[in-house]
C-alpha atoms as a PDB file:
ATOM      1  CA  MET A   1      10.130-175.797-137.966  1.00  0.00           C
ATOM      2  CA  LEU A   2       9.172-179.437-138.525  1.00  0.00           C
ATOM      3  CA  ILE A   3       5.599-180.678-138.508  1.00  0.00           C
ATOM      4  CA  GLY A   4       5.869-182.239-135.035  1.00  0.00           C
ATOM      5  CA  ASP A   5       7.122-178.977-133.537  1.00  0.00           C
ATOM      6  CA  VAL A   6       4.342-177.040-135.271  1.00  0.00           C
ATOM      7  CA  ALA A   7       1.734-179.501-133.928  1.00  0.00           C
ATOM      8  CA  ARG A   8       3.012-179.118-130.361  1.00  0.00           C
ATOM      9  CA  ARG A   9       3.149-175.325-130.478  1.00  0.00           C
ATOM     10  CA  SER A  10      -0.098-174.708-132.344  1.00  0.00           C
ATOM     11  CA  GLY A  11      -2.258-177.436-130.838  1.00  0.00           C
ATOM     12  CA  VAL A  12      -3.184-178.591-134.349  1.00  0.00           C
ATOM     13  CA  SER A  13      -2.459-182.280-134.840  1.00  0.00           C
ATOM     14  CA  ALA A  14       0.032-183.436-137.468  1.00  0.00           C
ATOM     15  CA  ARG A  15      -2.801-185.319-139.135  1.00  0.00           C
ATOM     16  CA  MET A  16      -4.887-182.135-139.441  1.00  0.00           C
ATOM     17  CA  LEU A  17      -1.873-180.201-140.765  1.00  0.00           C
ATOM     18  CA  ARG A  18      -1.493-182.790-143.509  1.00  0.00           C
ATOM     19  CA  HIS A  19      -5.235-182.455-144.237  1.00  0.00           C
ATOM     20  CA  TYR A  20      -4.845-178.686-144.543  1.00  0.00           C
ATOM     21  CA  GLU A  21      -1.992-179.265-146.966  1.00  0.00           C
ATOM     22  CA  SER A  22      -4.065-181.678-149.076  1.00  0.00           C
ATOM     23  CA  LEU A  23      -6.779-178.993-149.353  1.00  0.00           C
ATOM     24  CA  GLY A  24      -4.239-176.322-150.273  1.00  0.00           C
ATOM     25  CA  LEU A  25      -4.985-174.255-147.171  1.00  0.00           C
ATOM     26  CA  VAL A  26      -1.370-174.149-145.980  1.00  0.00           C
ATOM     27  CA  ARG A  27       1.721-175.583-147.629  1.00  0.00           C
ATOM     28  CA  PRO A  28       5.121-175.831-145.934  1.00  0.00           C
ATOM     29  CA  THR A  29       7.459-173.451-147.703  1.00  0.00           C
ATOM     30  CA  GLY A  30      10.431-175.775-147.509  1.00  0.00           C
ATOM     31  CA  ARG A  31      11.784-179.264-147.061  1.00  0.00           C
ATOM     32  CA  THR A  32      14.751-180.457-145.063  1.00  0.00           C
ATOM     33  CA  GLY A  33      17.601-182.264-146.720  1.00  0.00           C
ATOM     34  CA  THR A  34      15.956-185.530-145.773  1.00  0.00           C
ATOM     35  CA  GLY A  35      12.588-184.504-147.246  1.00  0.00           C
ATOM     36  CA  TYR A  36      10.704-183.516-144.054  1.00  0.00           C
ATOM     37  CA  ARG A  37       8.185-180.653-144.213  1.00  0.00           C
ATOM     38  CA  GLU A  38       9.550-177.404-142.859  1.00  0.00           C
ATOM     39  CA  TYR A  39       7.222-174.581-141.867  1.00  0.00           C
ATOM     40  CA  SER A  40       8.202-170.926-141.892  1.00  0.00           C
ATOM     41  CA  GLY A  41       6.967-168.225-139.538  1.00  0.00           C
ATOM     42  CA  GLU A  42       4.497-167.105-142.206  1.00  0.00           C
ATOM     43  CA  ASP A  43       3.164-170.664-142.515  1.00  0.00           C
ATOM     44  CA  ILE A  44       2.564-170.849-138.786  1.00  0.00           C
ATOM     45  CA  ARG A  45       0.814-167.473-138.825  1.00  0.00           C
ATOM     46  CA  ARG A  46      -1.497-168.780-141.551  1.00  0.00           C
ATOM     47  CA  ILE A  47      -2.266-171.882-139.460  1.00  0.00           C
ATOM     48  CA  PHE A  48      -3.361-169.652-136.578  1.00  0.00           C
ATOM     49  CA  HIS A  49      -5.518-167.618-138.985  1.00  0.00           C
ATOM     50  CA  ILE A  50      -7.162-170.841-140.192  1.00  0.00           C
ATOM     51  CA  GLU A  51      -7.917-171.926-136.643  1.00  0.00           C
ATOM     52  CA  SER A  52      -9.310-168.501-135.737  1.00  0.00           C
ATOM     53  CA  LEU A  53     -11.705-168.506-138.685  1.00  0.00           C
ATOM     54  CA  ARG A  54     -12.782-172.085-137.969  1.00  0.00           C
ATOM     55  CA  SER A  55     -13.634-171.038-134.415  1.00  0.00           C
ATOM     56  CA  LEU A  56     -16.254-168.673-135.892  1.00  0.00           C
ATOM     57  CA  GLY A  57     -18.000-171.604-137.541  1.00  0.00           C
ATOM     58  CA  LEU A  58     -16.593-171.216-141.074  1.00  0.00           C
ATOM     59  CA  SER A  59     -16.152-174.356-143.141  1.00  0.00           C
ATOM     60  CA  LEU A  60     -12.673-175.134-144.481  1.00  0.00           C
ATOM     61  CA  ARG A  61     -13.825-174.084-147.947  1.00  0.00           C
ATOM     62  CA  GLU A  62     -15.005-170.724-146.564  1.00  0.00           C
ATOM     63  CA  VAL A  63     -11.717-170.349-144.682  1.00  0.00           C
ATOM     64  CA  GLY A  64      -9.812-170.839-147.939  1.00  0.00           C
ATOM     65  CA  ARG A  65     -11.899-168.185-149.673  1.00  0.00           C
ATOM     66  CA  ALA A  66     -11.452-165.756-146.808  1.00  0.00           C
ATOM     67  CA  LEU A  67      -7.675-166.124-146.892  1.00  0.00           C
ATOM     68  CA  ASP A  68      -7.013-166.342-150.646  1.00  0.00           C
ATOM     69  CA  ASP A  69      -9.782-164.471-152.499  1.00  0.00           C
ATOM     70  CA  PRO A  70      -8.802-160.768-152.670  1.00  0.00           C
ATOM     71  CA  GLY A  71     -12.386-159.811-153.554  1.00  0.00           C
ATOM     72  CA  PHE A  72     -13.889-161.682-150.623  1.00  0.00           C
ATOM     73  CA  THR A  73     -15.899-159.527-148.181  1.00  0.00           C
ATOM     74  CA  PRO A  74     -16.705-160.914-144.768  1.00  0.00           C
ATOM     75  CA  SER A  75     -19.931-158.983-144.047  1.00  0.00           C
ATOM     76  CA  GLY A  76     -22.294-161.278-145.956  1.00  0.00           C
ATOM     77  CA  LEU A  77     -20.688-164.400-144.577  1.00  0.00           C
ATOM     78  CA  VAL A  78     -20.749-163.089-141.015  1.00  0.00           C
ATOM     79  CA  ASP A  79     -24.450-162.205-141.360  1.00  0.00           C
ATOM     80  CA  ASP A  80     -25.140-165.723-142.593  1.00  0.00           C
ATOM     81  CA  LEU A  81     -23.183-167.191-139.690  1.00  0.00           C
ATOM     82  CA  VAL A  82     -25.192-165.063-137.261  1.00  0.00           C
ATOM     83  CA  ARG A  83     -28.452-166.347-138.773  1.00  0.00           C
ATOM     84  CA  GLN A  84     -27.271-169.970-138.641  1.00  0.00           C
ATOM     85  CA  THR A  85     -26.106-169.587-135.054  1.00  0.00           C
ATOM     86  CA  ARG A  86     -29.400-168.053-133.954  1.00  0.00           C
ATOM     87  CA  GLN A  87     -31.313-170.875-135.610  1.00  0.00           C
ATOM     88  CA  ARG A  88     -29.059-173.450-133.976  1.00  0.00           C
ATOM     89  CA  ILE A  89     -29.580-171.824-130.566  1.00  0.00           C
ATOM     90  CA  ALA A  90     -33.346-171.754-131.130  1.00  0.00           C
ATOM     91  CA  ASP A  91     -33.349-175.432-132.107  1.00  0.00           C
ATOM     92  CA  GLU A  92     -31.240-176.398-129.103  1.00  0.00           C
ATOM     93  CA  THR A  93     -33.413-174.294-126.778  1.00  0.00           C
ATOM     94  CA  GLU A  94     -36.533-175.976-128.129  1.00  0.00           C
ATOM     95  CA  LEU A  95     -34.964-179.387-127.567  1.00  0.00           C
ATOM     96  CA  LEU A  96     -33.930-178.418-124.026  1.00  0.00           C
ATOM     97  CA  THR A  97     -37.468-177.213-123.276  1.00  0.00           C
ATOM     98  CA  ARG A  98     -38.926-180.460-124.607  1.00  0.00           C
ATOM     99  CA  LEU A  99     -36.548-182.550-122.525  1.00  0.00           C
ATOM    100  CA  ARG A 100     -37.332-180.563-119.378  1.00  0.00           C
ATOM    101  CA  ARG A 101     -41.037-181.006-119.933  1.00  0.00           C
ATOM    102  CA  ILE A 102     -40.649-184.721-120.413  1.00  0.00           C
ATOM    103  CA  GLY A 103     -38.646-184.851-117.200  1.00  0.00           C
ATOM    104  CA  ALA A 104     -41.297-182.817-115.368  1.00  0.00           C
ATOM    105  CA  ALA A 105     -43.890-185.449-116.281  1.00  0.00           C
ATOM    106  CA  GLU A 106     -41.808-187.982-114.311  1.00  0.00           C
ATOM    107  CA  PRO A 107     -42.247-190.810-116.815  1.00  0.00           C
ATOM    108  CA  ALA A 108     -41.991-194.302-115.314  1.00  0.00           C
ATOM    109  CA  GLY A 109     -40.789-195.898-118.533  1.00  0.00           C
ATOM    110  CA  TRP A 110     -40.212-195.416-122.229  1.00  0.00           C
ATOM    111  CA  GLU A 111     -43.914-195.875-122.980  1.00  0.00           C
ATOM    112  CA  ASP A 112     -44.647-192.860-120.788  1.00  0.00           C
ATOM    113  CA  VAL A 113     -41.885-190.875-122.509  1.00  0.00           C
ATOM    114  CA  LEU A 114     -43.327-191.677-125.926  1.00  0.00           C
ATOM    115  CA  GLN A 115     -46.826-190.705-124.758  1.00  0.00           C
ATOM    116  CA  VAL A 116     -45.638-187.323-123.484  1.00  0.00           C
ATOM    117  CA  VAL A 117     -43.679-186.704-126.696  1.00  0.00           C
ATOM    118  CA  ALA A 118     -46.771-187.550-128.759  1.00  0.00           C
ATOM    119  CA  LEU A 119     -48.974-185.202-126.742  1.00  0.00           C
ATOM    120  CA  LEU A 120     -46.456-182.367-126.941  1.00  0.00           C
ATOM    121  CA  GLY A 121     -46.257-182.860-130.688  1.00  0.00           C
ATOM    122  CA  ALA A 122     -50.051-182.875-130.979  1.00  0.00           C
ATOM    123  CA  LEU A 123     -50.337-179.600-129.037  1.00  0.00           C
ATOM    124  CA  GLY A 124     -48.147-177.998-131.700  1.00  0.00           C
ATOM    125  CA  SER A 125     -50.010-179.568-134.622  1.00  0.00           C
ATOM    126  CA  GLU A 126     -51.464-177.477-137.455  1.00  0.00           C
ATOM    127  CA  SER A 127     -54.728-179.404-137.053  1.00  0.00           C
ATOM    128  CA  ALA A 128     -57.131-177.758-134.607  1.00  0.00           C
ATOM    129  CA  GLY A 129     -58.879-181.078-134.053  1.00  0.00           C
ATOM    130  CA  ARG A 130     -55.638-182.784-133.123  1.00  0.00           C
ATOM    131  CA  ARG A 131     -54.721-179.946-130.740  1.00  0.00           C
ATOM    132  CA  GLN A 132     -58.135-180.189-129.089  1.00  0.00           C
ATOM    133  CA  ARG A 133     -57.879-183.969-128.641  1.00  0.00           C
ATOM    134  CA  ALA A 134     -54.414-183.530-127.134  1.00  0.00           C
ATOM    135  CA  ALA A 135     -55.717-180.944-124.656  1.00  0.00           C
ATOM    136  CA  LEU A 136     -58.630-183.146-123.606  1.00  0.00           C
ATOM    137  CA  SER A 137     -56.462-186.245-123.224  1.00  0.00           C
ATOM    138  CA  SER A 138     -53.703-184.419-121.339  1.00  0.00           C
ATOM    139  CA  VAL A 139     -55.325-185.148-117.977  1.00  0.00           C
ATOM    140  CA  GLU A 140     -55.437-188.883-118.584  1.00  0.00           C
ATOM    141  CA  GLY A 141     -52.504-191.218-118.021  1.00  0.00           C
ATOM    142  CA  VAL A 142     -49.150-189.427-117.987  1.00  0.00           C
ATOM    143  CA  PRO A 143     -50.012-185.697-117.697  1.00  0.00           C
ATOM    144  CA  VAL A 144     -48.594-183.075-120.019  1.00  0.00           C
ATOM    145  CA  PRO A 145     -46.392-180.631-118.058  1.00  0.00           C
ATOM    146  CA  VAL A 146     -48.348-177.540-117.080  1.00  0.00           C
ATOM    147  CA  GLU A 147     -45.765-175.278-118.785  1.00  0.00           C
ATOM    148  CA  ALA A 148     -46.673-176.819-122.142  1.00  0.00           C
ATOM    149  CA  LEU A 149     -50.402-176.364-121.517  1.00  0.00           C
ATOM    150  CA  VAL A 150     -49.911-172.726-120.520  1.00  0.00           C
ATOM    151  CA  GLU A 151     -47.803-172.003-123.604  1.00  0.00           C
ATOM    152  CA  ALA A 152     -50.441-173.624-125.808  1.00  0.00           C
ATOM    153  CA  ALA A 153     -53.307-171.770-124.093  1.00  0.00           C
ATOM    154  CA  LEU A 154     -51.636-168.374-124.487  1.00  0.00           C
ATOM    155  CA  SER A 155     -51.017-168.912-128.199  1.00  0.00           C
ATOM    156  CA  GLU A 156     -54.252-170.702-129.200  1.00  0.00           C
ATOM    157  CA  SER A 157     -56.615-168.773-131.494  1.00  0.00           C
ATOM    158  CA  ASP A 158     -59.191-171.498-132.188  1.00  0.00           C
ATOM    159  CA  PRO A 159     -62.060-171.016-129.666  1.00  0.00           C
ATOM    160  CA  ASN A 160     -62.816-174.729-129.308  1.00  0.00           C
ATOM    161  CA  VAL A 161     -59.197-175.668-128.709  1.00  0.00           C
ATOM    162  CA  ALA A 162     -58.778-172.709-126.349  1.00  0.00           C
ATOM    163  CA  GLY A 163     -61.743-173.921-124.303  1.00  0.00           C
ATOM    164  CA  ALA A 164     -60.277-177.417-124.073  1.00  0.00           C
ATOM    165  CA  LEU A 165     -56.929-176.009-122.964  1.00  0.00           C
ATOM    166  CA  ARG A 166     -58.560-173.850-120.287  1.00  0.00           C
ATOM    167  CA  TRP A 167     -60.376-176.930-118.998  1.00  0.00           C
ATOM    168  CA  ALA A 168     -57.135-178.914-118.942  1.00  0.00           C
ATOM    169  CA  LEU A 169     -55.405-176.132-117.005  1.00  0.00           C
ATOM    170  CA  ALA A 170     -58.254-176.051-114.499  1.00  0.00           C
ATOM    171  CA  GLN A 171     -57.697-179.786-113.929  1.00  0.00           C
ATOM    172  CA  SER A 172     -53.913-179.502-113.709  1.00  0.00           C
ATOM    173  CA  GLY A 173     -53.842-179.306-109.930  1.00  0.00           C
ATOM    174  CA  GLY A 174     -51.932-176.084-109.367  1.00  0.00           C
ATOM    175  CA  GLY A 175     -48.956-174.228-110.710  1.00  0.00           C
ATOM    176  CA  ALA A 176     -50.787-172.888-113.740  1.00  0.00           C
ATOM    177  CA  SER A 177     -51.909-169.622-112.141  1.00  0.00           C
ATOM    178  CA  ALA A 178     -48.407-168.272-111.583  1.00  0.00           C
ATOM    179  CA  LEU A 179     -47.380-169.113-115.144  1.00  0.00           C
ATOM    180  CA  LEU A 180     -50.524-167.575-116.606  1.00  0.00           C
ATOM    181  CA  ALA A 181     -49.932-164.427-114.556  1.00  0.00           C
ATOM    182  CA  GLU A 182     -46.938-163.700-116.796  1.00  0.00           C
ATOM    183  CA  GLY A 183     -49.350-163.620-119.737  1.00  0.00           C
ATOM    184  CA  LEU A 184     -51.249-160.749-118.128  1.00  0.00           C
ATOM    185  CA  GLY A 185     -48.213-158.565-118.778  1.00  0.00           C
ATOM    186  CA  ALA A 186     -47.797-159.595-122.410  1.00  0.00           C
ATOM    187  CA  ALA A 187     -47.456-156.900-125.056  1.00  0.00           C
ATOM    188  CA  VAL A 188     -50.129-158.538-127.250  1.00  0.00           C
ATOM    189  CA  ALA A 189     -53.740-157.893-126.214  1.00  0.00           C
ATOM    190  CA  GLU A 190     -54.933-161.330-127.364  1.00  0.00           C
ATOM    191  CA  VAL A 191     -52.402-163.047-125.108  1.00  0.00           C
ATOM    192  CA  ARG A 192     -53.545-160.980-122.109  1.00  0.00           C
ATOM    193  CA  GLU A 193     -57.147-161.951-122.789  1.00  0.00           C
ATOM    194  CA  ARG A 194     -56.270-165.644-123.070  1.00  0.00           C
ATOM    195  CA  ALA A 195     -54.349-165.425-119.812  1.00  0.00           C
ATOM    196  CA  VAL A 196     -57.167-163.860-117.785  1.00  0.00           C
ATOM    197  CA  ARG A 197     -59.779-166.194-119.256  1.00  0.00           C
ATOM    198  CA  SER A 198     -57.641-169.188-118.329  1.00  0.00           C
ATOM    199  CA  ILE A 199     -57.089-167.898-114.795  1.00  0.00           C
ATOM    200  CA  ALA A 200     -60.829-167.304-114.467  1.00  0.00           C
ATOM    201  CA  GLU A 201     -61.502-171.040-114.852  1.00  0.00           C
ATOM    202  CA  ILE A 202     -58.916-172.162-112.303  1.00  0.00           C
ATOM    203  CA  PRO A 203     -60.337-172.734-108.807  1.00  0.00           C
ATOM    204  CA  GLY A 204     -58.568-171.762-105.624  1.00  0.00           C
ATOM    205  CA  ASP A 205     -57.248-168.811-103.703  1.00  0.00           C
ATOM    206  CA  ALA A 206     -54.187-168.245-105.907  1.00  0.00           C
ATOM    207  CA  ALA A 207     -56.312-167.668-109.007  1.00  0.00           C
ATOM    208  CA  THR A 208     -58.764-165.481-107.040  1.00  0.00           C
ATOM    209  CA  ALA A 209     -55.898-163.307-105.802  1.00  0.00           C
ATOM    210  CA  LEU A 210     -54.645-162.828-109.366  1.00  0.00           C
ATOM    211  CA  LEU A 211     -58.135-161.875-110.516  1.00  0.00           C
ATOM    212  CA  ARG A 212     -58.418-159.329-107.711  1.00  0.00           C
ATOM    213  CA  ASP A 213     -55.145-157.762-108.844  1.00  0.00           C
ATOM    214  CA  ALA A 214     -56.414-157.786-112.434  1.00  0.00           C
ATOM    215  CA  LEU A 215     -59.264-155.425-111.478  1.00  0.00           C
ATOM    216  CA  ALA A 216     -56.648-152.654-111.601  1.00  0.00           C
ATOM    217  CA  HIS A 217     -55.104-153.824-114.878  1.00  0.00           C
ATOM    218  CA  PRO A 218     -54.676-151.111-117.549  1.00  0.00           C
ATOM    219  CA  ASP A 219     -56.327-153.357-120.152  1.00  0.00           C
ATOM    220  CA  VAL A 220     -60.100-152.927-119.916  1.00  0.00           C
ATOM    221  CA  VAL A 221     -60.707-156.398-121.382  1.00  0.00           C
ATOM    222  CA  VAL A 222     -58.615-157.982-118.624  1.00  0.00           C
ATOM    223  CA  ARG A 223     -60.497-155.967-115.984  1.00  0.00           C
ATOM    224  CA  ARG A 224     -63.861-157.068-117.346  1.00  0.00           C
ATOM    225  CA  TYR A 225     -63.061-160.789-117.513  1.00  0.00           C
ATOM    226  CA  ALA A 226     -61.584-160.603-114.017  1.00  0.00           C
ATOM    227  CA  ALA A 227     -64.720-158.875-112.665  1.00  0.00           C
ATOM    228  CA  LEU A 228     -67.047-161.454-114.240  1.00  0.00           C
ATOM    229  CA  ALA A 229     -65.024-164.312-112.763  1.00  0.00           C
ATOM    230  CA  LEU A 230     -64.878-162.686-109.340  1.00  0.00           C
ATOM    231  CA  GLY A 231     -68.623-162.063-109.455  1.00  0.00           C
ATOM    232  CA  THR A 232     -69.252-165.795-109.792  1.00  0.00           C
ATOM    233  CA  ARG A 233     -66.893-166.347-106.836  1.00  0.00           C
ATOM    234  CA  GLY A 234     -68.836-163.938-104.648  1.00  0.00           C
ATOM    235  CA  VAL A 235     -66.060-161.341-104.409  1.00  0.00           C
ATOM    236  CA  ALA A 236     -67.532-157.911-103.635  1.00  0.00           C
ATOM    237  CA  GLU A 237     -64.506-156.006-105.007  1.00  0.00           C
ATOM    238  CA  ALA A 238     -65.816-156.748-108.495  1.00  0.00           C
ATOM    239  CA  VAL A 239     -68.953-154.619-108.050  1.00  0.00           C
ATOM    240  CA  PRO A 240     -67.590-151.236-109.298  1.00  0.00           C
ATOM    241  CA  THR A 241     -66.126-152.800-112.447  1.00  0.00           C
ATOM    242  CA  LEU A 242     -69.339-154.726-113.111  1.00  0.00           C
ATOM    243  CA  ILE A 243     -71.373-151.526-112.829  1.00  0.00           C
ATOM    244  CA  ASP A 244     -68.921-149.825-115.214  1.00  0.00           C
ATOM    245  CA  MET A 245     -69.535-152.672-117.657  1.00  0.00           C
ATOM    246  CA  VAL A 246     -73.296-152.031-117.552  1.00  0.00           C
ATOM    247  CA  VAL A 247     -72.733-148.331-118.188  1.00  0.00           C
ATOM    248  CA  GLU A 248     -70.169-148.882-120.949  1.00  0.00           C
ATOM    249  CA  GLU A 249     -72.138-151.725-122.609  1.00  0.00           C
ATOM    250  CA  GLY A 250     -69.169-154.061-122.244  1.00  0.00           C
ATOM    251  CA  ASN A 251     -70.588-157.564-121.702  1.00  0.00           C
ATOM    252  CA  ASP A 252     -73.350-155.686-119.891  1.00  0.00           C
ATOM    253  CA  VAL A 253     -75.799-158.625-119.795  1.00  0.00           C
ATOM    254  CA  ASP A 254     -73.166-160.889-118.216  1.00  0.00           C
ATOM    255  CA  ALA A 255     -72.225-158.096-115.826  1.00  0.00           C
ATOM    256  CA  ALA A 256     -75.870-157.652-114.759  1.00  0.00           C
ATOM    257  CA  ASP A 257     -76.127-161.409-114.169  1.00  0.00           C
ATOM    258  CA  ALA A 258     -72.980-161.304-112.035  1.00  0.00           C
ATOM    259  CA  LEU A 259     -74.383-158.391-110.012  1.00  0.00           C
ATOM    260  CA  SER A 260     -77.582-160.339-109.504  1.00  0.00           C
ATOM    261  CA  GLY A 261     -75.627-163.282-108.155  1.00  0.00           C
ATOM    262  CA  LEU A 262     -73.663-161.083-105.771  1.00  0.00           C
ATOM    263  CA  ALA A 263     -76.905-159.451-104.611  1.00  0.00           C
ATOM    264  CA  SER A 264     -77.980-162.709-102.943  1.00  0.00           C
ATOM    265  CA  ASP A 265     -76.150-161.215 -99.959  1.00  0.00           C
ATOM    266  CA  PRO A 266     -78.694-158.695 -98.514  1.00  0.00           C
ATOM    267  CA  GLU A 267     -76.039-156.232 -97.373  1.00  0.00           C
ATOM    268  CA  LEU A 268     -74.334-156.345-100.740  1.00  0.00           C
ATOM    269  CA  ALA A 269     -77.691-156.029-102.542  1.00  0.00           C
ATOM    270  CA  ASP A 270     -78.268-152.525-101.143  1.00  0.00           C
ATOM    271  CA  ARG A 271     -74.698-151.536-102.002  1.00  0.00           C
ATOM    272  CA  ILE A 272     -75.138-152.720-105.593  1.00  0.00           C
ATOM    273  CA  ALA A 273     -78.485-150.968-105.945  1.00  0.00           C
ATOM    274  CA  ALA A 274     -77.005-147.737-104.594  1.00  0.00           C
ATOM    275  CA  GLY A 275     -74.122-147.995-107.040  1.00  0.00           C
ATOM    276  CA  LEU A 276     -76.509-148.416-109.983  1.00  0.00           C
ATOM    277  CA  VAL A 277     -78.687-145.522-108.793  1.00  0.00           C
ATOM    278  CA  ASP A 278     -75.649-143.256-108.432  1.00  0.00           C
ATOM    279  CA  ARG A 279     -74.854-143.791-112.101  1.00  0.00           C
ATOM    280  CA  LEU A 280     -78.430-142.799-112.993  1.00  0.00           C
ATOM    281  CA  SER A 281     -78.211-139.469-111.204  1.00  0.00           C
ATOM    282  CA  PRO A 282     -76.112-137.238-113.505  1.00  0.00           C
ATOM    283  CA  GLY A 283     -78.255-135.291-115.965  1.00  0.00           C
ATOM    284  CA  ASP A 284     -76.032-135.999-118.966  1.00  0.00           C
ATOM    285  CA  VAL A 285     -76.435-139.786-118.849  1.00  0.00           C
ATOM    286  CA  GLU A 286     -77.452-141.093-122.264  1.00  0.00           C
ATOM    287  CA  PRO A 287     -80.904-142.687-122.557  1.00  0.00           C
ATOM    288  CA  SER A 288     -79.451-146.071-123.561  1.00  0.00           C
ATOM    289  CA  VAL A 289     -77.266-146.089-120.450  1.00  0.00           C
ATOM    290  CA  ARG A 290     -80.236-145.245-118.205  1.00  0.00           C
ATOM    291  CA  ARG A 291     -82.232-148.103-119.754  1.00  0.00           C
ATOM    292  CA  ARG A 292     -79.401-150.589-119.128  1.00  0.00           C
ATOM    293  CA  LEU A 293     -79.038-149.433-115.520  1.00  0.00           C
ATOM    294  CA  THR A 294     -82.781-149.765-115.016  1.00  0.00           C
ATOM    295  CA  GLN A 295     -82.741-153.292-116.423  1.00  0.00           C
ATOM    296  CA  ALA A 296     -79.788-154.172-114.177  1.00  0.00           C
ATOM    297  CA  LEU A 297     -81.904-153.213-111.134  1.00  0.00           C
ATOM    298  CA  ALA A 298     -84.460-155.872-112.083  1.00  0.00           C
ATOM    299  CA  ASP A 299     -82.842-158.760-110.205  1.00  0.00           C
ATOM    300  CA  ILE A 300     -81.387-156.759-107.321  1.00  0.00           C
ATOM    301  CA  PRO A 301     -83.523-157.421-104.248  1.00  0.00           C
ATOM    302  CA  GLY A 302     -84.082-154.997-101.397  1.00  0.00           C
ATOM    303  CA  ILE A 303     -85.735-151.713-100.580  1.00  0.00           C
ATOM    304  CA  THR A 304     -83.100-149.531-102.254  1.00  0.00           C
ATOM    305  CA  ALA A 305     -83.693-151.139-105.667  1.00  0.00           C
ATOM    306  CA  SER A 306     -87.484-151.061-105.208  1.00  0.00           C
ATOM    307  CA  ARG A 307     -87.514-147.350-104.359  1.00  0.00           C
ATOM    308  CA  ALA A 308     -85.287-146.565-107.311  1.00  0.00           C
ATOM    309  CA  LEU A 309     -87.564-148.504-109.661  1.00  0.00           C
ATOM    310  CA  ALA A 310     -90.663-146.762-108.271  1.00  0.00           C
ATOM    311  CA  GLU A 311     -89.100-143.394-109.034  1.00  0.00           C
ATOM    312  CA  LEU A 312     -87.941-144.535-112.461  1.00  0.00           C
ATOM    313  CA  SER A 313     -91.474-145.675-113.320  1.00  0.00           C
ATOM    314  CA  ARG A 314     -92.326-141.949-113.468  1.00  0.00           C
ATOM    315  CA  ASP A 315     -89.251-141.063-115.527  1.00  0.00           C
ATOM    316  CA  GLU A 316     -89.517-138.601-118.424  1.00  0.00           C
ATOM    317  CA  ASP A 317     -87.939-141.214-120.710  1.00  0.00           C
ATOM    318  CA  ARG A 318     -90.925-143.368-121.635  1.00  0.00           C
ATOM    319  CA  ALA A 319     -88.769-146.442-122.329  1.00  0.00           C
ATOM    320  CA  VAL A 320     -87.153-146.161-118.888  1.00  0.00           C
ATOM    321  CA  ALA A 321     -90.538-145.601-117.195  1.00  0.00           C
ATOM    322  CA  LEU A 322     -92.176-148.580-118.923  1.00  0.00           C
ATOM    323  CA  THR A 323     -89.195-150.823-118.133  1.00  0.00           C
ATOM    324  CA  ALA A 324     -89.218-149.815-114.461  1.00  0.00           C
ATOM    325  CA  ALA A 325     -92.996-150.267-114.197  1.00  0.00           C
ATOM    326  CA  TYR A 326     -92.792-153.708-115.759  1.00  0.00           C
ATOM    327  CA  ILE A 327     -90.014-154.752-113.347  1.00  0.00           C
ATOM    328  CA  LEU A 328     -92.003-153.459-110.366  1.00  0.00           C
ATOM    329  CA  GLY A 329     -95.027-155.431-111.538  1.00  0.00           C
ATOM    330  CA  ARG A 330     -92.985-158.612-111.657  1.00  0.00           C
ATOM    331  CA  ARG A 331     -91.515-157.918-108.216  1.00  0.00           C
ATOM    332  CA  ASP A 332     -95.006-157.368-106.753  1.00  0.00           C
ATOM    333  CA  ALA A 333     -96.227-160.588-108.342  1.00  0.00           C
ATOM    334  CA  ARG A 334     -93.392-162.503-106.680  1.00  0.00           C
END
């Protein structure tokens, strides 16, 4: 079969067939009487083998080795090709993500594009200071897409940068809450904590609803941050978790402050006081727990708290009794 016929049947151009011949990959086994290349059935089969191996990403040199080296084993090469392909996919995915984020910023011109690219690059910098400056400047001029801010916030370990990112998300104008909600289900505890802390600083009903749901989260850290945030928002559902925090000594001072804020509602004040008193009742409560519960009653107004403190001022635990008496004295003075 002549080279033109081979090109038509194989889909490999005559020019490429000549290139294969120059590299020694495939040589026509014969010549016609007039000197034209003539390919045998075995030659054509080899051409198809070459094309098949090239389709896997092998270079022409690797194709030659695969076909001609009897000691060649494909496993190592295939593993290397898998690694290269994964890296290429990761690089292309990263580029696609960057392009989408630039598009989401709706740049008006190339100056805006360059600004967004610079900010995205700064958010991924190894310098904590540069990351922090990028977070703080992201709300000025052309905004950084909220997806990029969320990704940075969920991965940031530096406390100062994390604070700046949470602030930027709170200023982002919506959309961040739903993205951060995915972080609450992350396998890594640190990511879950970053997610709930970021949600806690976002105003609005959507963030409040997520925090309410987080009160039932299996991660105790998530529950506690959600309860503290809801306490500052005046959400009564946080009360049981806040009382648990006082008992368990988990951010107990902050929890007591949150309970005090919620107790500005007279009806809620009696409910909070009753909840604290209930946890004092069991006989096996440790002395340190009873002291924390007594201290938590200090800023809870109302008759229920006052009666509980009067009884505690006669408690067998001298530290509890003195604490309760001191609190009662301050309440009487007010």
